Structure formats: structure tokens, C-alpha cells
Amino acid sequence: MKVYVDLLFILNVWIDFLLLLTVSYVLKKFTSIRRILCASFVGGISTIFLFLNVSSTILALLKVLICSLMLLISFSFNSLKSFIENIIYFYLVSIILAGVIYLVRNNYNINNFFNNFLLLIVTTPIILYVYYRKTKKLNNHYNNLYNVELYYLGNIYKFTAFLDTGNRLYDQYKRRPIILVNTDKISFDYSKGILVPFKTADGKTVLRCLIADKIVIDNKVTKQNVVFGLVSEKFNIEEVNMLLHSDLLGG
């Protein structure tokens, strides 16, 4: 297969630019496009490695050196921990990209240089964008998940809870925040509860609530006399059976 050095250089710069941009967004280390572009051109220098007659060990060290230089240009040096984190994520994103590209090439038997060139130019931004969006979604989801133990009438109930920042429910008596739980997860007696009116999209309704002796969140935060409302509908979040109120975790 013929290799065109100029196109290969452009391809390296393009991929390095997208990789560095993805790392900056994933780690929330926003920097200027100019710095990332400069670092990408430095990464393009690795094109000459194709013509160096050196051992695989020396070649690997040169690639690590170029990678480190690219990250220093893009994000500067704040601390050793931060620098190592940058390297880990850069290689992690690179491996994911390489794996997907390898899968596509094998499935469609792409061997021609120009076809490979077009494949990488077009699919790389799509793959990295999907990776970034999925990573962001997973981080937002799992960062808001908590293990909660609810103590009520001498029983302990365990829940997988989601911190619902849109939950603004308070009881009208003492302005206590209200958490929501599924009725099929707890034994209850409505005669010992309270009724809390609240508004829905369909109008006004009443929420049946009970008062827990306490709840323990992730074995760290303990709250006494917590009001919890009972709902029969399943929450539209996988494996979640409780919605926490943000005030219980300091807002």
C-alpha cells in the first residue's frame, strides 16, 4: 500500500487535535484552541518515526516523549498527579478510538490508503463525540446515586437513591424536605402519616407521607425524622427506588 507522507501528517494532526480536545472536555481542563492546535502539530512530528530505523523500545519511548510534550503544551504542568491523569486519559481515549476504527476496518475490509484516510477523517470526530457524551452522561448519573438505609418502625429498608435536584417538595407544617420512595419497597401504615398537598402537571393532588426515624446516606450522612412520600409509580431511572431531596445533602 502506498503511503502519502503529507496526508499522513495532516491525519496525525487532525486525530491528535480531536484527542486533546476530548481529554480537555472529559477532564474539564479547558484551554485555548490555539494551544491544542500547536500541540497537535507537535504530535504530527511522529510521522517521521515511520522512517526511523530504531528498536521498538526506543520508538515507544519517543512516542511517550511526544505525547508528554503535547500534553504540556495543551494543559501546562500544574502537578505530577494532574500530569499523570492527563497521560492516562489521553491513552485511554486513544485506545478506545483505535479499537473502534479497527473494528470498522475489519468489518468493511478497508485496506486502501485513501479509504483509510477518509475513514479516519470522517469517523474520528463522531466516535470521540459519542464517547464524550456517554462519559458525561454516566458521570452525571452515577455521581447522583446513593445507597440509603431508611429506619422506620423498627425496620431497616435499603434503597438505591437518586439525587433529584428538581425535587422541591416540603411538608407544609415544618418545611421539612420530602424524599420519595416506591410503595412496593416498604411496609407502611397510612394512619400514622400526614397528607401533603402539591402541584403536578395535571393540577393539585395530595401526597401521602410518613416520617422515618432516620435515614443514613452512603454510611456518612445521617438525618433524623425525615419525611418520605409514597408513590406507586416506578421511577424512570434504572434500579432507582428512591428520590432524594437536595436539601438533605446540603443543597
Protein backbone atom coordinates (compact mmCIF):
# COMPACT_ATOMS: atom_id res chain seq x y z
CA MET A 1 0.00 0.00 0.00
CA LYS A 2 1.31 3.43 -0.95
CA VAL A 3 1.69 5.91 1.91
CA TYR A 4 1.47 9.66 1.28
CA VAL A 5 3.53 11.43 3.92
CA ASP A 6 1.77 14.81 3.59
CA LEU A 7 -1.67 13.26 4.04
CA LEU A 8 -0.40 11.13 6.90
CA PHE A 9 0.94 14.26 8.62
CA ILE A 10 -2.44 16.01 8.21
CA LEU A 11 -4.21 12.93 9.54
CA ASN A 12 -1.95 12.76 12.61
CA VAL A 13 -2.52 16.44 13.37
CA TRP A 14 -6.29 16.03 12.94
CA ILE A 15 -6.53 13.00 15.23
CA ASP A 16 -4.21 14.48 17.87
CA PHE A 17 -6.28 17.67 17.85
CA LEU A 18 -9.51 15.74 18.44
CA LEU A 19 -7.93 13.54 21.12
CA LEU A 20 -6.60 16.53 23.06
CA LEU A 21 -9.92 18.33 22.70
CA THR A 22 -11.78 15.29 24.03
CA VAL A 23 -9.41 14.99 27.01
CA SER A 24 -9.89 18.67 27.82
CA TYR A 25 -13.68 18.28 27.90
CA VAL A 26 -13.72 14.94 29.74
CA LEU A 27 -11.40 16.25 32.47
CA LYS A 28 -12.89 19.76 32.33
CA LYS A 29 -9.47 21.25 31.73
CA PHE A 30 -10.49 23.90 29.28
CA THR A 31 -7.66 25.53 27.42
CA SER A 32 -7.31 27.60 24.29
CA ILE A 33 -7.80 26.07 20.85
CA ARG A 34 -4.50 27.68 19.85
CA ARG A 35 -2.57 25.66 22.44
CA ILE A 36 -4.27 22.43 21.41
CA LEU A 37 -3.57 23.17 17.76
CA CYS A 38 0.11 23.84 18.48
CA ALA A 39 0.34 20.60 20.45
CA SER A 40 -1.31 18.74 17.57
CA PHE A 41 1.32 19.97 15.13
CA VAL A 42 3.99 18.74 17.55
CA GLY A 43 2.18 15.39 17.53
CA GLY A 44 2.41 15.37 13.76
CA ILE A 45 6.17 15.04 14.15
CA SER A 46 5.60 11.38 14.99
CA THR A 47 5.06 10.86 11.25
CA ILE A 48 8.84 10.76 10.80
CA PHE A 49 9.01 7.76 13.13
CA LEU A 50 7.91 5.67 10.15
CA PHE A 51 11.30 6.30 8.57
CA LEU A 52 13.48 5.76 11.65
CA ASN A 53 15.39 2.51 11.89
CA VAL A 54 15.22 2.12 15.68
CA SER A 55 14.14 -0.61 18.06
CA SER A 56 10.55 -0.92 19.25
CA THR A 57 11.62 0.16 22.75
CA ILE A 58 13.20 3.39 21.51
CA LEU A 59 10.17 4.02 19.31
CA ALA A 60 7.80 3.58 22.27
CA LEU A 61 9.89 5.99 24.38
CA LEU A 62 9.85 8.57 21.58
CA LYS A 63 6.07 8.32 21.32
CA VAL A 64 5.67 8.79 25.07
CA LEU A 65 8.01 11.80 24.89
CA ILE A 66 5.97 13.38 22.09
CA CYS A 67 2.74 12.64 23.95
CA SER A 68 4.08 14.25 27.13
CA LEU A 69 5.18 17.32 25.20
CA MET A 70 1.76 17.62 23.58
CA LEU A 71 0.01 17.49 26.96
CA LEU A 72 2.40 20.04 28.47
CA ILE A 73 1.74 22.44 25.61
CA SER A 74 -2.03 21.92 25.85
CA PHE A 75 -2.55 21.97 29.63
CA SER A 76 0.73 23.18 31.16
CA PHE A 77 2.15 21.50 34.26
CA ASN A 78 0.14 22.04 37.44
CA SER A 79 1.13 18.97 39.43
CA LEU A 80 2.56 15.50 38.86
CA LYS A 81 -0.82 13.93 39.70
CA SER A 82 -2.60 16.11 37.17
CA PHE A 83 0.02 15.42 34.51
CA ILE A 84 -0.21 11.65 35.00
CA GLU A 85 -4.01 11.90 34.84
CA ASN A 86 -3.71 13.71 31.51
CA ILE A 87 -1.47 10.97 30.11
CA ILE A 88 -3.77 8.18 31.32
CA TYR A 89 -6.86 9.75 29.76
CA PHE A 90 -5.06 10.60 26.54
CA TYR A 91 -4.03 6.98 26.07
CA LEU A 92 -7.41 5.71 27.25
CA VAL A 93 -9.26 7.79 24.65
CA SER A 94 -6.67 6.78 22.02
CA ILE A 95 -7.20 3.08 22.76
CA ILE A 96 -10.98 3.42 22.53
CA LEU A 97 -10.69 5.27 19.22
CA ALA A 98 -8.19 2.75 17.82
CA GLY A 99 -10.40 -0.16 18.87
CA VAL A 100 -13.50 1.21 17.14
CA ILE A 101 -11.55 2.10 13.99
CA TYR A 102 -10.01 -1.39 13.93
CA LEU A 103 -13.47 -2.95 14.22
CA VAL A 104 -14.87 -0.81 11.38
CA ARG A 105 -11.87 -1.53 9.11
CA ASN A 106 -12.14 -5.28 9.63
CA ASN A 107 -15.90 -5.39 9.13
CA TYR A 108 -15.73 -3.47 5.86
CA ASN A 109 -12.32 -4.75 4.72
CA ILE A 110 -10.82 -1.27 4.19
CA ASN A 111 -7.20 -1.58 3.03
CA ASN A 112 -6.72 1.25 0.56
CA PHE A 113 -4.78 4.27 1.90
CA PHE A 114 -7.27 6.86 0.69
CA ASN A 115 -10.21 4.87 2.05
CA ASN A 116 -8.44 4.63 5.40
CA PHE A 117 -7.69 8.34 5.25
CA LEU A 118 -11.35 9.23 4.61
CA LEU A 119 -12.50 6.77 7.26
CA LEU A 120 -10.32 8.37 9.94
CA ILE A 121 -11.10 11.94 8.88
CA VAL A 122 -14.87 11.37 8.99
CA THR A 123 -15.39 8.85 11.79
CA THR A 124 -12.88 10.09 14.37
CA PRO A 125 -14.90 13.18 15.44
CA ILE A 126 -18.09 11.10 15.54
CA ILE A 127 -16.54 8.37 17.70
CA LEU A 128 -14.94 10.84 20.12
CA TYR A 129 -18.13 12.91 20.38
CA VAL A 130 -20.18 9.82 21.23
CA TYR A 131 -17.54 8.79 23.79
CA TYR A 132 -17.60 12.23 25.41
CA ARG A 133 -21.41 12.36 25.57
CA LYS A 134 -21.66 8.88 27.05
CA THR A 135 -18.91 9.60 29.59
CA LYS A 136 -20.63 12.82 30.64
CA LYS A 137 -23.98 11.07 30.96
CA LEU A 138 -22.52 8.24 33.05
CA ASN A 139 -20.67 10.69 35.31
CA ASN A 140 -23.82 12.76 35.88
CA HIS A 141 -25.83 9.63 36.57
CA TYR A 142 -23.50 7.76 38.91
CA ASN A 143 -22.38 10.88 40.76
CA ASN A 144 -26.01 11.33 41.85
CA LEU A 145 -26.56 7.74 43.01
CA TYR A 146 -26.50 6.93 46.73
CA ASN A 147 -27.07 3.92 48.97
CA VAL A 148 -29.65 4.83 51.58
CA GLU A 149 -30.82 2.99 54.69
CA LEU A 150 -34.24 4.09 55.95
CA TYR A 151 -35.22 3.30 59.56
CA TYR A 152 -38.98 3.10 60.12
CA LEU A 153 -40.97 1.42 62.91
CA GLY A 154 -38.03 -0.72 63.96
CA ASN A 155 -37.30 -1.94 60.42
CA ILE A 156 -34.41 -1.07 58.13
CA TYR A 157 -35.09 -0.64 54.42
CA LYS A 158 -32.31 -0.30 51.86
CA PHE A 159 -32.69 1.83 48.74
CA THR A 160 -30.76 2.84 45.66
CA ALA A 161 -31.46 6.58 45.64
CA PHE A 162 -31.02 9.28 43.03
CA LEU A 163 -30.40 12.89 44.00
CA ASP A 164 -33.26 14.68 42.24
CA THR A 165 -32.35 18.37 42.02
CA GLY A 166 -35.85 19.02 40.67
CA ASN A 167 -37.48 17.72 43.86
CA ARG A 168 -38.70 20.83 45.69
CA LEU A 169 -41.26 19.14 47.94
CA TYR A 170 -41.63 20.29 51.56
CA ASP A 171 -44.27 19.47 54.12
CA GLN A 172 -46.45 22.48 54.92
CA TYR A 173 -46.16 22.02 58.66
CA LYS A 174 -42.43 22.33 59.39
CA ARG A 175 -40.97 22.93 55.93
CA ARG A 176 -39.11 19.63 56.03
CA PRO A 177 -37.76 18.30 52.71
CA ILE A 178 -39.62 15.26 51.38
CA ILE A 179 -37.99 12.25 49.74
CA LEU A 180 -39.97 9.90 47.51
CA VAL A 181 -40.00 6.09 47.72
CA ASN A 182 -41.83 3.31 45.91
CA THR A 183 -44.68 1.76 47.88
CA ASP A 184 -43.57 -1.77 46.96
CA LYS A 185 -40.27 -1.29 48.84
CA ILE A 186 -41.66 -0.62 52.29
CA SER A 187 -44.40 -1.75 54.68
CA PHE A 188 -46.45 1.23 55.80
CA ASP A 189 -49.46 2.34 57.80
CA TYR A 190 -51.22 5.40 56.39
CA SER A 191 -52.96 6.05 59.73
CA LYS A 192 -49.61 7.24 61.10
CA GLY A 193 -48.83 9.52 58.21
CA ILE A 194 -49.53 13.05 57.03
CA LEU A 195 -51.05 14.45 53.86
CA VAL A 196 -49.05 16.96 51.85
CA PRO A 197 -50.73 18.87 49.01
CA PHE A 198 -48.61 19.59 45.96
CA LYS A 199 -48.97 20.64 42.34
CA THR A 200 -48.50 18.38 39.34
CA ALA A 201 -48.75 18.96 35.60
CA ASP A 202 -52.40 17.83 35.82
CA GLY A 203 -53.26 20.09 38.74
CA LYS A 204 -53.27 19.76 42.53
CA THR A 205 -53.16 16.47 44.40
CA VAL A 206 -52.23 15.06 47.81
CA LEU A 207 -49.13 13.04 48.66
CA ARG A 208 -49.32 10.53 51.47
CA CYS A 209 -46.22 10.84 53.64
CA LEU A 210 -44.68 9.10 56.65
CA ILE A 211 -41.88 10.12 58.99
CA ALA A 212 -38.81 7.90 59.19
CA ASP A 213 -36.86 7.64 62.44
CA LYS A 214 -33.74 8.40 60.42
CA ILE A 215 -32.01 7.79 57.12
CA VAL A 216 -28.31 7.06 56.55
CA ILE A 217 -26.85 8.12 53.19
CA ASP A 218 -23.75 6.22 51.99
CA ASN A 219 -22.89 5.41 55.63
CA LYS A 220 -21.80 9.03 56.03
CA VAL A 221 -24.75 11.38 56.36
CA THR A 222 -27.45 10.74 58.96
CA LYS A 223 -30.72 12.69 59.10
CA GLN A 224 -33.36 12.32 61.80
CA ASN A 225 -37.17 12.46 61.40
CA VAL A 226 -37.14 12.55 57.62
CA VAL A 227 -40.44 12.87 55.78
CA PHE A 228 -40.86 10.43 52.90
CA GLY A 229 -43.70 10.32 50.39
CA LEU A 230 -45.10 7.11 48.98
CA VAL A 231 -45.59 6.76 45.24
CA SER A 232 -46.87 3.73 43.39
CA GLU A 233 -45.32 4.57 40.03
CA LYS A 234 -41.86 3.28 39.16
CA PHE A 235 -39.19 5.93 38.76
CA ASN A 236 -37.94 6.32 35.21
CA ILE A 237 -34.32 5.69 36.30
CA GLU A 238 -32.78 2.24 36.15
CA GLU A 239 -32.58 0.42 39.53
CA VAL A 240 -33.60 3.57 41.45
CA ASN A 241 -36.39 3.24 44.04
CA MET A 242 -35.91 6.47 45.99
CA LEU A 243 -35.59 10.13 45.01
CA LEU A 244 -33.56 12.22 47.47
CA HIS A 245 -34.12 15.88 48.21
CA SER A 246 -31.09 18.10 47.61
CA ASP A 247 -31.50 19.83 50.99
CA LEU A 248 -30.61 16.57 52.74
CA LEU A 249 -27.12 16.82 51.22
CA GLY A 250 -26.55 20.47 51.85
CA GLY A 251 -28.41 21.74 48.76
